[in-house]
Amino acid sequence: MSIFKKILTAVRGGATEVGEAIVDANSTRIFEQEIRDAENHLTKAKRDLTEVMAKQMATAREVDRLKREIAEHEGYATQALSKGNEALALEVAEKIASLEAELAEQQTAHDQFIGNVERLKDLIKKSERQVSDYKRQLSMVKTTDSVQKATAAITDNFVSGNGKLLNAKDSLERIKAKQQAFDDKLNAAEQLEAESGDKSLEDKLKAAGIGAQESSANSILERLKNK
Protein backbone atom coordinates (compact mmCIF):
# COMPACT_ATOMS: atom_id res chain seq x y z
CA MET A 1 0.00 0.00 0.00
CA SER A 2 1.37 3.41 -0.97
CA ILE A 3 1.89 6.23 1.50
CA PHE A 4 -0.96 8.19 -0.09
CA LYS A 5 -3.40 5.30 0.35
CA LYS A 6 -2.31 4.91 3.96
CA ILE A 7 -2.94 8.60 4.56
CA LEU A 8 -6.42 8.30 3.02
CA THR A 9 -7.12 5.25 5.16
CA ALA A 10 -5.99 7.14 8.26
CA VAL A 11 -8.21 10.10 7.35
CA ARG A 12 -11.21 7.81 6.85
CA GLY A 13 -10.48 6.12 10.18
CA GLY A 14 -10.25 9.49 11.91
CA ALA A 15 -13.49 10.63 10.31
CA THR A 16 -15.16 7.45 11.52
CA GLU A 17 -13.90 8.06 15.07
CA VAL A 18 -15.09 11.68 14.97
CA GLY A 19 -18.48 10.56 13.65
CA GLU A 20 -18.84 7.94 16.36
CA ALA A 21 -17.83 10.48 19.00
CA ILE A 22 -20.50 12.90 17.76
CA VAL A 23 -23.11 10.14 17.78
CA ASP A 24 -22.11 9.06 21.31
CA ALA A 25 -22.20 12.64 22.58
CA ASN A 26 -25.71 13.15 21.17
CA SER A 27 -27.06 9.61 21.52
CA THR A 28 -29.97 10.58 23.79
CA ARG A 29 -31.00 13.43 21.50
CA ILE A 30 -30.75 11.15 18.46
CA PHE A 31 -32.82 8.45 20.17
CA GLU A 32 -35.48 11.02 21.10
CA GLN A 33 -35.63 12.32 17.51
CA GLU A 34 -35.90 8.77 16.17
CA ILE A 35 -38.91 8.22 18.44
CA ARG A 36 -40.52 11.41 17.09
CA ASP A 37 -39.85 10.22 13.52
CA ALA A 38 -41.46 6.87 14.31
CA GLU A 39 -44.53 8.65 15.73
CA ASN A 40 -44.79 10.76 12.56
CA HIS A 41 -44.64 7.61 10.42
CA LEU A 42 -47.32 6.04 12.58
CA THR A 43 -49.58 9.05 12.09
CA LYS A 44 -49.13 8.81 8.32
CA ALA A 45 -49.69 5.04 8.42
CA LYS A 46 -53.01 5.58 10.22
CA ARG A 47 -54.11 8.07 7.56
CA ASP A 48 -53.16 5.57 4.83
CA LEU A 49 -55.04 2.85 6.69
CA THR A 50 -58.23 4.92 6.74
CA GLU A 51 -57.96 5.25 2.94
CA VAL A 52 -57.55 1.47 2.53
CA MET A 53 -60.51 0.86 4.86
CA ALA A 54 -62.60 3.32 2.85
CA LYS A 55 -61.79 1.39 -0.36
CA GLN A 56 -62.66 -1.84 1.44
CA MET A 57 -66.07 -0.39 2.32
CA ALA A 58 -66.56 0.76 -1.27
CA THR A 59 -65.79 -2.69 -2.71
CA ALA A 60 -68.11 -4.27 -0.13
CA ARG A 61 -70.95 -2.05 -1.35
CA GLU A 62 -70.10 -2.89 -4.96
CA VAL A 63 -70.10 -6.61 -4.20
CA ASP A 64 -73.55 -6.30 -2.60
CA ARG A 65 -74.83 -4.30 -5.56
CA LEU A 66 -73.57 -6.85 -8.10
CA LYS A 67 -75.07 -9.73 -6.12
CA ARG A 68 -78.45 -8.00 -6.08
CA GLU A 69 -78.23 -7.23 -9.80
CA ILE A 70 -77.27 -10.82 -10.61
CA ALA A 71 -80.21 -12.13 -8.57
CA GLU A 72 -82.49 -9.66 -10.35
CA HIS A 73 -81.34 -10.77 -13.82
CA GLU A 74 -81.61 -14.41 -12.87
CA GLY A 75 -85.27 -13.66 -12.18
CA TYR A 76 -85.56 -12.04 -15.60
CA ALA A 77 -83.99 -15.06 -17.28
CA THR A 78 -86.33 -17.40 -15.44
CA GLN A 79 -89.34 -15.36 -16.56
CA ALA A 80 -88.11 -15.35 -20.16
CA LEU A 81 -87.75 -19.12 -20.11
CA SER A 82 -91.18 -19.53 -18.55
CA LYS A 83 -92.56 -17.59 -21.49
CA GLY A 84 -90.61 -19.68 -24.00
CA ASN A 85 -88.39 -16.79 -25.06
CA GLU A 86 -85.01 -18.52 -25.00
CA ALA A 87 -83.34 -15.84 -27.12
CA LEU A 88 -84.15 -13.22 -24.50
CA ALA A 89 -83.19 -15.62 -21.72
CA LEU A 90 -79.82 -16.19 -23.42
CA GLU A 91 -79.24 -12.45 -23.69
CA VAL A 92 -80.02 -12.07 -20.00
CA ALA A 93 -77.67 -14.99 -19.23
CA GLU A 94 -74.88 -13.18 -21.09
CA LYS A 95 -75.55 -10.14 -18.91
CA ILE A 96 -75.42 -12.33 -15.81
CA ALA A 97 -72.07 -13.77 -16.96
CA SER A 98 -70.67 -10.24 -17.32
CA LEU A 99 -71.97 -9.30 -13.89
CA GLU A 100 -70.51 -12.44 -12.34
CA ALA A 101 -67.10 -11.69 -13.86
CA GLU A 102 -67.26 -8.18 -12.46
CA LEU A 103 -68.40 -9.58 -9.12
CA ALA A 104 -65.41 -11.95 -9.04
CA GLU A 105 -63.05 -9.03 -9.62
CA GLN A 106 -64.68 -6.89 -6.93
CA GLN A 107 -64.79 -9.81 -4.50
CA THR A 108 -61.06 -10.46 -5.04
CA ALA A 109 -60.30 -6.79 -4.49
CA HIS A 110 -62.48 -6.73 -1.38
CA ASP A 111 -60.77 -9.81 0.06
CA GLN A 112 -57.37 -8.25 -0.59
CA PHE A 113 -58.43 -5.05 1.13
CA ILE A 114 -59.62 -7.07 4.14
CA GLY A 115 -56.28 -8.87 4.38
CA ASN A 116 -54.31 -5.65 3.98
CA VAL A 117 -56.39 -3.83 6.59
CA GLU A 118 -55.91 -6.58 9.14
CA ARG A 119 -52.17 -6.74 8.45
CA LEU A 120 -51.78 -2.96 8.65
CA LYS A 121 -53.79 -2.77 11.88
CA ASP A 122 -51.56 -5.44 13.41
CA LEU A 123 -48.39 -3.64 12.28
CA ILE A 124 -49.64 -0.32 13.66
CA LYS A 125 -50.50 -1.89 17.03
CA LYS A 126 -47.06 -3.51 17.25
CA SER A 127 -45.38 -0.24 16.28
CA GLU A 128 -47.38 1.70 18.88
CA ARG A 129 -46.36 -0.77 21.59
CA GLN A 130 -42.74 -0.49 20.49
CA VAL A 131 -42.84 3.32 20.51
CA SER A 132 -44.43 3.29 23.98
CA ASP A 133 -41.66 1.00 25.20
CA TYR A 134 -39.03 3.27 23.65
CA LYS A 135 -40.59 6.27 25.40
CA ARG A 136 -40.31 4.48 28.75
CA GLN A 137 -36.72 3.58 27.94
CA LEU A 138 -36.02 7.19 26.97
CA SER A 139 -37.35 8.40 30.32
CA MET A 140 -35.08 5.98 32.18
CA VAL A 141 -32.11 6.90 29.97
CA LYS A 142 -32.64 10.62 30.69
CA THR A 143 -32.95 9.98 34.43
CA THR A 144 -29.83 7.81 34.46
CA ASP A 145 -27.96 10.44 32.47
CA SER A 146 -28.97 13.14 34.96
CA VAL A 147 -27.88 11.02 37.92
CA GLN A 148 -24.56 10.21 36.28
CA LYS A 149 -23.92 13.89 35.51
CA ALA A 150 -24.75 14.83 39.11
CA THR A 151 -22.43 12.10 40.42
CA ALA A 152 -19.66 13.25 38.09
CA ALA A 153 -20.11 16.85 39.21
CA ILE A 154 -19.92 15.87 42.88
CA THR A 155 -16.83 13.76 42.24
CA ASP A 156 -15.16 16.53 40.26
CA ASN A 157 -15.92 19.06 42.96
CA PHE A 158 -14.54 16.77 45.65
CA VAL A 159 -11.35 16.04 43.71
CA SER A 160 -10.74 19.64 42.68
CA GLY A 161 -11.65 20.94 46.13
CA ASN A 162 -9.82 18.30 48.14
CA GLY A 163 -7.13 20.82 49.13
CA LYS A 164 -9.80 23.29 50.21
CA LEU A 165 -11.48 20.61 52.30
CA LEU A 166 -8.19 19.83 54.02
CA ASN A 167 -7.66 23.53 54.72
CA ALA A 168 -11.16 23.75 56.16
CA LYS A 169 -10.43 20.76 58.38
CA ASP A 170 -7.24 22.41 59.65
CA SER A 171 -9.14 25.60 60.42
CA LEU A 172 -11.75 23.65 62.37
CA GLU A 173 -9.08 21.86 64.40
CA ARG A 174 -7.41 25.19 65.22
CA ILE A 175 -10.74 26.64 66.40
CA LYS A 176 -11.39 23.62 68.60
CA ALA A 177 -7.88 23.80 70.03
CA LYS A 178 -8.28 27.49 70.82
CA GLN A 179 -11.59 26.91 72.57
CA GLN A 180 -10.13 24.00 74.57
CA ALA A 181 -7.18 26.19 75.64
CA PHE A 182 -9.61 28.86 76.84
CA ASP A 183 -11.58 26.28 78.87
CA ASP A 184 -8.37 24.92 80.37
CA LYS A 185 -7.26 28.41 81.46
CA LEU A 186 -10.66 29.08 83.02
CA ASN A 187 -10.61 25.80 84.95
CA ALA A 188 -7.06 26.47 86.13
CA ALA A 189 -8.00 29.95 87.38
CA GLU A 190 -10.96 28.55 89.33
CA GLN A 191 -8.81 25.85 90.87
CA LEU A 192 -6.10 28.36 91.83
CA GLU A 193 -8.64 30.68 93.46
CA ALA A 194 -10.09 27.80 95.44
CA GLU A 195 -6.70 26.71 96.71
CA SER A 196 -5.47 30.21 97.70
CA GLY A 197 -8.65 31.76 99.20
CA ASP A 198 -10.45 31.59 102.55
CA LYS A 199 -12.74 28.92 101.25
CA SER A 200 -9.83 26.54 100.97
CA LEU A 201 -8.83 27.17 104.60
CA GLU A 202 -12.36 26.71 105.88
CA ASP A 203 -12.62 23.42 104.01
CA LYS A 204 -9.37 22.25 105.60
CA LEU A 205 -10.47 23.24 109.18
CA LYS A 206 -13.84 21.60 108.67
CA ALA A 207 -12.15 18.42 107.52
CA ALA A 208 -9.99 18.46 110.67
CA GLY A 209 -13.03 19.03 112.98
CA ILE A 210 -11.90 22.49 113.94
CA GLY A 211 -14.01 25.62 114.09
CA ALA A 212 -17.73 25.98 113.57
CA GLN A 213 -19.33 22.77 112.54
CA GLU A 214 -22.68 22.25 110.96
CA SER A 215 -25.35 21.07 113.39
CA SER A 216 -26.61 17.59 112.94
CA ALA A 217 -29.70 15.89 114.32
CA ASN A 218 -27.54 13.64 116.59
CA SER A 219 -25.58 16.52 118.07
CA ILE A 220 -28.78 18.43 118.85
CA LEU A 221 -30.29 15.37 120.54
CA GLU A 222 -27.14 14.86 122.63
CA ARG A 223 -27.20 18.50 123.76
CA LEU A 224 -30.81 18.21 124.91
CA LYS A 225 -30.03 15.08 126.96
CA ASN A 226 -27.22 16.84 128.79
CA LYS A 227 -29.59 19.57 129.94
C-alpha atoms as a PDB file:
ATOM      1  CA  MET A   1       0.000   0.000   0.000  1.00  0.00           C
ATOM      2  CA  SER A   2       1.371   3.407  -0.973  1.00  0.00           C
ATOM      3  CA  ILE A   3       1.889   6.233   1.503  1.00  0.00           C
ATOM      4  CA  PHE A   4      -0.962   8.189  -0.094  1.00  0.00           C
ATOM      5  CA  LYS A   5      -3.401   5.295   0.351  1.00  0.00           C
ATOM      6  CA  LYS A   6      -2.311   4.908   3.958  1.00  0.00           C
ATOM      7  CA  ILE A   7      -2.941   8.598   4.561  1.00  0.00           C
ATOM      8  CA  LEU A   8      -6.419   8.301   3.017  1.00  0.00           C
ATOM      9  CA  THR A   9      -7.118   5.253   5.160  1.00  0.00           C
ATOM     10  CA  ALA A  10      -5.987   7.137   8.264  1.00  0.00           C
ATOM     11  CA  VAL A  11      -8.206  10.099   7.347  1.00  0.00           C
ATOM     12  CA  ARG A  12     -11.207   7.809   6.847  1.00  0.00           C
ATOM     13  CA  GLY A  13     -10.478   6.125  10.181  1.00  0.00           C
ATOM     14  CA  GLY A  14     -10.247   9.489  11.907  1.00  0.00           C
ATOM     15  CA  ALA A  15     -13.488  10.626  10.312  1.00  0.00           C
ATOM     16  CA  THR A  16     -15.160   7.453  11.524  1.00  0.00           C
ATOM     17  CA  GLU A  17     -13.900   8.063  15.066  1.00  0.00           C
ATOM     18  CA  VAL A  18     -15.088  11.675  14.970  1.00  0.00           C
ATOM     19  CA  GLY A  19     -18.481  10.563  13.651  1.00  0.00           C
ATOM     20  CA  GLU A  20     -18.835   7.943  16.359  1.00  0.00           C
ATOM     21  CA  ALA A  21     -17.828  10.481  19.000  1.00  0.00           C
ATOM     22  CA  ILE A  22     -20.500  12.896  17.763  1.00  0.00           C
ATOM     23  CA  VAL A  23     -23.109  10.137  17.783  1.00  0.00           C
ATOM     24  CA  ASP A  24     -22.110   9.061  21.308  1.00  0.00           C
ATOM     25  CA  ALA A  25     -22.204  12.644  22.577  1.00  0.00           C
ATOM     26  CA  ASN A  26     -25.707  13.146  21.168  1.00  0.00           C
ATOM     27  CA  SER A  27     -27.059   9.610  21.519  1.00  0.00           C
ATOM     28  CA  THR A  28     -29.967  10.579  23.787  1.00  0.00           C
ATOM     29  CA  ARG A  29     -31.003  13.435  21.499  1.00  0.00           C
ATOM     30  CA  ILE A  30     -30.749  11.152  18.455  1.00  0.00           C
ATOM     31  CA  PHE A  31     -32.819   8.454  20.171  1.00  0.00           C
ATOM     32  CA  GLU A  32     -35.484  11.025  21.097  1.00  0.00           C
ATOM     33  CA  GLN A  33     -35.628  12.317  17.512  1.00  0.00           C
ATOM     34  CA  GLU A  34     -35.903   8.767  16.172  1.00  0.00           C
ATOM     35  CA  ILE A  35     -38.910   8.225  18.438  1.00  0.00           C
ATOM     36  CA  ARG A  36     -40.523  11.414  17.089  1.00  0.00           C
ATOM     37  CA  ASP A  37     -39.850  10.224  13.520  1.00  0.00           C
ATOM     38  CA  ALA A  38     -41.459   6.873  14.308  1.00  0.00           C
ATOM     39  CA  GLU A  39     -44.530   8.654  15.732  1.00  0.00           C
ATOM     40  CA  ASN A  40     -44.794  10.758  12.564  1.00  0.00           C
ATOM     41  CA  HIS A  41     -44.638   7.613  10.423  1.00  0.00           C
ATOM     42  CA  LEU A  42     -47.322   6.038  12.581  1.00  0.00           C
ATOM     43  CA  THR A  43     -49.582   9.053  12.089  1.00  0.00           C
ATOM     44  CA  LYS A  44     -49.134   8.814   8.320  1.00  0.00           C
ATOM     45  CA  ALA A  45     -49.691   5.039   8.415  1.00  0.00           C
ATOM     46  CA  LYS A  46     -53.009   5.581  10.220  1.00  0.00           C
ATOM     47  CA  ARG A  47     -54.107   8.068   7.559  1.00  0.00           C
ATOM     48  CA  ASP A  48     -53.163   5.569   4.835  1.00  0.00           C
ATOM     49  CA  LEU A  49     -55.039   2.847   6.692  1.00  0.00           C
ATOM     50  CA  THR A  50     -58.228   4.918   6.739  1.00  0.00           C
ATOM     51  CA  GLU A  51     -57.962   5.246   2.940  1.00  0.00           C
ATOM     52  CA  VAL A  52     -57.553   1.473   2.535  1.00  0.00           C
ATOM     53  CA  MET A  53     -60.509   0.864   4.863  1.00  0.00           C
ATOM     54  CA  ALA A  54     -62.596   3.318   2.846  1.00  0.00           C
ATOM     55  CA  LYS A  55     -61.786   1.389  -0.358  1.00  0.00           C
ATOM     56  CA  GLN A  56     -62.662  -1.836   1.442  1.00  0.00           C
ATOM     57  CA  MET A  57     -66.070  -0.390   2.319  1.00  0.00           C
ATOM     58  CA  ALA A  58     -66.561   0.759  -1.270  1.00  0.00           C
ATOM     59  CA  THR A  59     -65.788  -2.694  -2.713  1.00  0.00           C
ATOM     60  CA  ALA A  60     -68.114  -4.269  -0.129  1.00  0.00           C
ATOM     61  CA  ARG A  61     -70.951  -2.049  -1.346  1.00  0.00           C
ATOM     62  CA  GLU A  62     -70.097  -2.885  -4.963  1.00  0.00           C
ATOM     63  CA  VAL A  63     -70.099  -6.610  -4.196  1.00  0.00           C
ATOM     64  CA  ASP A  64     -73.548  -6.303  -2.600  1.00  0.00           C
ATOM     65  CA  ARG A  65     -74.825  -4.297  -5.561  1.00  0.00           C
ATOM     66  CA  LEU A  66     -73.571  -6.850  -8.097  1.00  0.00           C
ATOM     67  CA  LYS A  67     -75.069  -9.726  -6.118  1.00  0.00           C
ATOM     68  CA  ARG A  68     -78.450  -8.003  -6.081  1.00  0.00           C
ATOM     69  CA  GLU A  69     -78.232  -7.233  -9.803  1.00  0.00           C
ATOM     70  CA  ILE A  70     -77.270 -10.822 -10.609  1.00  0.00           C
ATOM     71  CA  ALA A  71     -80.212 -12.133  -8.567  1.00  0.00           C
ATOM     72  CA  GLU A  72     -82.489  -9.658 -10.351  1.00  0.00           C
ATOM     73  CA  HIS A  73     -81.335 -10.766 -13.817  1.00  0.00           C
ATOM     74  CA  GLU A  74     -81.612 -14.415 -12.869  1.00  0.00           C
ATOM     75  CA  GLY A  75     -85.270 -13.659 -12.175  1.00  0.00           C
ATOM     76  CA  TYR A  76     -85.562 -12.041 -15.605  1.00  0.00           C
ATOM     77  CA  ALA A  77     -83.985 -15.059 -17.276  1.00  0.00           C
ATOM     78  CA  THR A  78     -86.335 -17.398 -15.444  1.00  0.00           C
ATOM     79  CA  GLN A  79     -89.343 -15.365 -16.557  1.00  0.00           C
ATOM     80  CA  ALA A  80     -88.114 -15.350 -20.158  1.00  0.00           C
ATOM     81  CA  LEU A  81     -87.745 -19.118 -20.105  1.00  0.00           C
ATOM     82  CA  SER A  82     -91.178 -19.530 -18.546  1.00  0.00           C
ATOM     83  CA  LYS A  83     -92.564 -17.589 -21.486  1.00  0.00           C
ATOM     84  CA  GLY A  84     -90.610 -19.684 -23.999  1.00  0.00           C
ATOM     85  CA  ASN A  85     -88.393 -16.792 -25.055  1.00  0.00           C
ATOM     86  CA  GLU A  86     -85.005 -18.522 -25.002  1.00  0.00           C
ATOM     87  CA  ALA A  87     -83.339 -15.841 -27.116  1.00  0.00           C
ATOM     88  CA  LEU A  88     -84.153 -13.225 -24.504  1.00  0.00           C
ATOM     89  CA  ALA A  89     -83.188 -15.621 -21.723  1.00  0.00           C
ATOM     90  CA  LEU A  90     -79.818 -16.194 -23.422  1.00  0.00           C
ATOM     91  CA  GLU A  91     -79.244 -12.452 -23.694  1.00  0.00           C
ATOM     92  CA  VAL A  92     -80.025 -12.066 -19.999  1.00  0.00           C
ATOM     93  CA  ALA A  93     -77.668 -14.987 -19.227  1.00  0.00           C
ATOM     94  CA  GLU A  94     -74.876 -13.182 -21.090  1.00  0.00           C
ATOM     95  CA  LYS A  95     -75.547 -10.136 -18.911  1.00  0.00           C
ATOM     96  CA  ILE A  96     -75.420 -12.329 -15.809  1.00  0.00           C
ATOM     97  CA  ALA A  97     -72.071 -13.770 -16.962  1.00  0.00           C
ATOM     98  CA  SER A  98     -70.674 -10.242 -17.319  1.00  0.00           C
ATOM     99  CA  LEU A  99     -71.971  -9.298 -13.893  1.00  0.00           C
ATOM    100  CA  GLU A 100     -70.512 -12.436 -12.342  1.00  0.00           C
ATOM    101  CA  ALA A 101     -67.095 -11.687 -13.860  1.00  0.00           C
ATOM    102  CA  GLU A 102     -67.260  -8.177 -12.459  1.00  0.00           C
ATOM    103  CA  LEU A 103     -68.395  -9.580  -9.121  1.00  0.00           C
ATOM    104  CA  ALA A 104     -65.415 -11.953  -9.045  1.00  0.00           C
ATOM    105  CA  GLU A 105     -63.052  -9.033  -9.616  1.00  0.00           C
ATOM    106  CA  GLN A 106     -64.685  -6.892  -6.926  1.00  0.00           C
ATOM    107  CA  GLN A 107     -64.786  -9.807  -4.498  1.00  0.00           C
ATOM    108  CA  THR A 108     -61.065 -10.458  -5.044  1.00  0.00           C
ATOM    109  CA  ALA A 109     -60.299  -6.787  -4.495  1.00  0.00           C
ATOM    110  CA  HIS A 110     -62.484  -6.733  -1.384  1.00  0.00           C
ATOM    111  CA  ASP A 111     -60.771  -9.813   0.060  1.00  0.00           C
ATOM    112  CA  GLN A 112     -57.368  -8.245  -0.593  1.00  0.00           C
ATOM    113  CA  PHE A 113     -58.431  -5.052   1.131  1.00  0.00           C
ATOM    114  CA  ILE A 114     -59.617  -7.068   4.144  1.00  0.00           C
ATOM    115  CA  GLY A 115     -56.277  -8.874   4.376  1.00  0.00           C
ATOM    116  CA  ASN A 116     -54.308  -5.651   3.979  1.00  0.00           C
ATOM    117  CA  VAL A 117     -56.389  -3.827   6.588  1.00  0.00           C
ATOM    118  CA  GLU A 118     -55.908  -6.579   9.140  1.00  0.00           C
ATOM    119  CA  ARG A 119     -52.173  -6.736   8.453  1.00  0.00           C
ATOM    120  CA  LEU A 120     -51.781  -2.957   8.653  1.00  0.00           C
ATOM    121  CA  LYS A 121     -53.788  -2.775  11.882  1.00  0.00           C
ATOM    122  CA  ASP A 122     -51.564  -5.440  13.413  1.00  0.00           C
ATOM    123  CA  LEU A 123     -48.392  -3.636  12.285  1.00  0.00           C
ATOM    124  CA  ILE A 124     -49.639  -0.317  13.665  1.00  0.00           C
ATOM    125  CA  LYS A 125     -50.501  -1.887  17.033  1.00  0.00           C
ATOM    126  CA  LYS A 126     -47.064  -3.507  17.255  1.00  0.00           C
ATOM    127  CA  SER A 127     -45.378  -0.242  16.278  1.00  0.00           C
ATOM    128  CA  GLU A 128     -47.376   1.705  18.879  1.00  0.00           C
ATOM    129  CA  ARG A 129     -46.363  -0.767  21.588  1.00  0.00           C
ATOM    130  CA  GLN A 130     -42.736  -0.486  20.485  1.00  0.00           C
ATOM    131  CA  VAL A 131     -42.845   3.320  20.511  1.00  0.00           C
ATOM    132  CA  SER A 132     -44.425   3.294  23.976  1.00  0.00           C
ATOM    133  CA  ASP A 133     -41.662   1.001  25.201  1.00  0.00           C
ATOM    134  CA  TYR A 134     -39.027   3.273  23.647  1.00  0.00           C
ATOM    135  CA  LYS A 135     -40.589   6.274  25.405  1.00  0.00           C
ATOM    136  CA  ARG A 136     -40.313   4.482  28.752  1.00  0.00           C
ATOM    137  CA  GLN A 137     -36.722   3.579  27.945  1.00  0.00           C
ATOM    138  CA  LEU A 138     -36.024   7.192  26.969  1.00  0.00           C
ATOM    139  CA  SER A 139     -37.353   8.402  30.321  1.00  0.00           C
ATOM    140  CA  MET A 140     -35.079   5.977  32.177  1.00  0.00           C
ATOM    141  CA  VAL A 141     -32.114   6.905  29.971  1.00  0.00           C
ATOM    142  CA  LYS A 142     -32.636  10.618  30.693  1.00  0.00           C
ATOM    143  CA  THR A 143     -32.950   9.981  34.431  1.00  0.00           C
ATOM    144  CA  THR A 144     -29.835   7.807  34.459  1.00  0.00           C
ATOM    145  CA  ASP A 145     -27.957  10.439  32.471  1.00  0.00           C
ATOM    146  CA  SER A 146     -28.972  13.143  34.962  1.00  0.00           C
ATOM    147  CA  VAL A 147     -27.883  11.025  37.922  1.00  0.00           C
ATOM    148  CA  GLN A 148     -24.559  10.214  36.284  1.00  0.00           C
ATOM    149  CA  LYS A 149     -23.925  13.885  35.514  1.00  0.00           C
ATOM    150  CA  ALA A 150     -24.748  14.831  39.114  1.00  0.00           C
ATOM    151  CA  THR A 151     -22.430  12.103  40.418  1.00  0.00           C
ATOM    152  CA  ALA A 152     -19.660  13.248  38.092  1.00  0.00           C
ATOM    153  CA  ALA A 153     -20.113  16.850  39.210  1.00  0.00           C
ATOM    154  CA  ILE A 154     -19.924  15.868  42.883  1.00  0.00           C
ATOM    155  CA  THR A 155     -16.832  13.755  42.242  1.00  0.00           C
ATOM    156  CA  ASP A 156     -15.156  16.529  40.260  1.00  0.00           C
ATOM    157  CA  ASN A 157     -15.924  19.060  42.963  1.00  0.00           C
ATOM    158  CA  PHE A 158     -14.536  16.773  45.648  1.00  0.00           C
ATOM    159  CA  VAL A 159     -11.347  16.035  43.714  1.00  0.00           C
ATOM    160  CA  SER A 160     -10.740  19.636  42.684  1.00  0.00           C
ATOM    161  CA  GLY A 161     -11.655  20.944  46.135  1.00  0.00           C
ATOM    162  CA  ASN A 162      -9.815  18.302  48.142  1.00  0.00           C
ATOM    163  CA  GLY A 163      -7.127  20.816  49.135  1.00  0.00           C
ATOM    164  CA  LYS A 164      -9.800  23.292  50.213  1.00  0.00           C
ATOM    165  CA  LEU A 165     -11.483  20.608  52.296  1.00  0.00           C
ATOM    166  CA  LEU A 166      -8.189  19.830  54.020  1.00  0.00           C
ATOM    167  CA  ASN A 167      -7.661  23.531  54.719  1.00  0.00           C
ATOM    168  CA  ALA A 168     -11.164  23.749  56.164  1.00  0.00           C
ATOM    169  CA  LYS A 169     -10.429  20.760  58.379  1.00  0.00           C
ATOM    170  CA  ASP A 170      -7.240  22.406  59.648  1.00  0.00           C
ATOM    171  CA  SER A 171      -9.142  25.604  60.424  1.00  0.00           C
ATOM    172  CA  LEU A 172     -11.755  23.650  62.373  1.00  0.00           C
ATOM    173  CA  GLU A 173      -9.080  21.864  64.402  1.00  0.00           C
ATOM    174  CA  ARG A 174      -7.413  25.194  65.221  1.00  0.00           C
ATOM    175  CA  ILE A 175     -10.735  26.643  66.402  1.00  0.00           C
ATOM    176  CA  LYS A 176     -11.393  23.619  68.595  1.00  0.00           C
ATOM    177  CA  ALA A 177      -7.877  23.795  70.033  1.00  0.00           C
ATOM    178  CA  LYS A 178      -8.275  27.491  70.819  1.00  0.00           C
ATOM    179  CA  GLN A 179     -11.588  26.905  72.570  1.00  0.00           C
ATOM    180  CA  GLN A 180     -10.130  24.004  74.568  1.00  0.00           C
ATOM    181  CA  ALA A 181      -7.176  26.187  75.644  1.00  0.00           C
ATOM    182  CA  PHE A 182      -9.614  28.856  76.839  1.00  0.00           C
ATOM    183  CA  ASP A 183     -11.580  26.282  78.867  1.00  0.00           C
ATOM    184  CA  ASP A 184      -8.366  24.920  80.366  1.00  0.00           C
ATOM    185  CA  LYS A 185      -7.265  28.406  81.464  1.00  0.00           C
ATOM    186  CA  LEU A 186     -10.656  29.079  83.024  1.00  0.00           C
ATOM    187  CA  ASN A 187     -10.608  25.801  84.950  1.00  0.00           C
ATOM    188  CA  ALA A 188      -7.058  26.466  86.126  1.00  0.00           C
ATOM    189  CA  ALA A 189      -8.001  29.948  87.375  1.00  0.00           C
ATOM    190  CA  GLU A 190     -10.964  28.554  89.331  1.00  0.00           C
ATOM    191  CA  GLN A 191      -8.805  25.849  90.871  1.00  0.00           C
ATOM    192  CA  LEU A 192      -6.099  28.361  91.829  1.00  0.00           C
ATOM    193  CA  GLU A 193      -8.639  30.684  93.461  1.00  0.00           C
ATOM    194  CA  ALA A 194     -10.089  27.799  95.445  1.00  0.00           C
ATOM    195  CA  GLU A 195      -6.703  26.714  96.711  1.00  0.00           C
ATOM    196  CA  SER A 196      -5.469  30.212  97.700  1.00  0.00           C
ATOM    197  CA  GLY A 197      -8.652  31.756  99.197  1.00  0.00           C
ATOM    198  CA  ASP A 198     -10.448  31.594 102.548  1.00  0.00           C
ATOM    199  CA  LYS A 199     -12.741  28.916 101.251  1.00  0.00           C
ATOM    200  CA  SER A 200      -9.828  26.536 100.975  1.00  0.00           C
ATOM    201  CA  LEU A 201      -8.829  27.166 104.596  1.00  0.00           C
ATOM    202  CA  GLU A 202     -12.361  26.710 105.879  1.00  0.00           C
ATOM    203  CA  ASP A 203     -12.620  23.422 104.014  1.00  0.00           C
ATOM    204  CA  LYS A 204      -9.367  22.247 105.599  1.00  0.00           C
ATOM    205  CA  LEU A 205     -10.474  23.237 109.177  1.00  0.00           C
ATOM    206  CA  LYS A 206     -13.838  21.598 108.674  1.00  0.00           C
ATOM    207  CA  ALA A 207     -12.154  18.418 107.518  1.00  0.00           C
ATOM    208  CA  ALA A 208      -9.988  18.463 110.671  1.00  0.00           C
ATOM    209  CA  GLY A 209     -13.027  19.032 112.985  1.00  0.00           C
ATOM    210  CA  ILE A 210     -11.897  22.492 113.938  1.00  0.00           C
ATOM    211  CA  GLY A 211     -14.009  25.618 114.085  1.00  0.00           C
ATOM    212  CA  ALA A 212     -17.725  25.984 113.572  1.00  0.00           C
ATOM    213  CA  GLN A 213     -19.332  22.773 112.542  1.00  0.00           C
ATOM    214  CA  GLU A 214     -22.679  22.255 110.956  1.00  0.00           C
ATOM    215  CA  SER A 215     -25.346  21.067 113.387  1.00  0.00           C
ATOM    216  CA  SER A 216     -26.605  17.594 112.936  1.00  0.00           C
ATOM    217  CA  ALA A 217     -29.699  15.885 114.323  1.00  0.00           C
ATOM    218  CA  ASN A 218     -27.537  13.637 116.590  1.00  0.00           C
ATOM    219  CA  SER A 219     -25.575  16.524 118.074  1.00  0.00           C
ATOM    220  CA  ILE A 220     -28.780  18.433 118.854  1.00  0.00           C
ATOM    221  CA  LEU A 221     -30.295  15.366 120.541  1.00  0.00           C
ATOM    222  CA  GLU A 222     -27.141  14.862 122.632  1.00  0.00           C
ATOM    223  CA  ARG A 223     -27.197  18.505 123.764  1.00  0.00           C
ATOM    224  CA  LEU A 224     -30.813  18.211 124.910  1.00  0.00           C
ATOM    225  CA  LYS A 225     -30.035  15.078 126.958  1.00  0.00           C
ATOM    226  CA  ASN A 226     -27.224  16.844 128.792  1.00  0.00           C
ATOM    227  CA  LYS A 227     -29.594  19.572 129.939  1.00  0.00           C
END
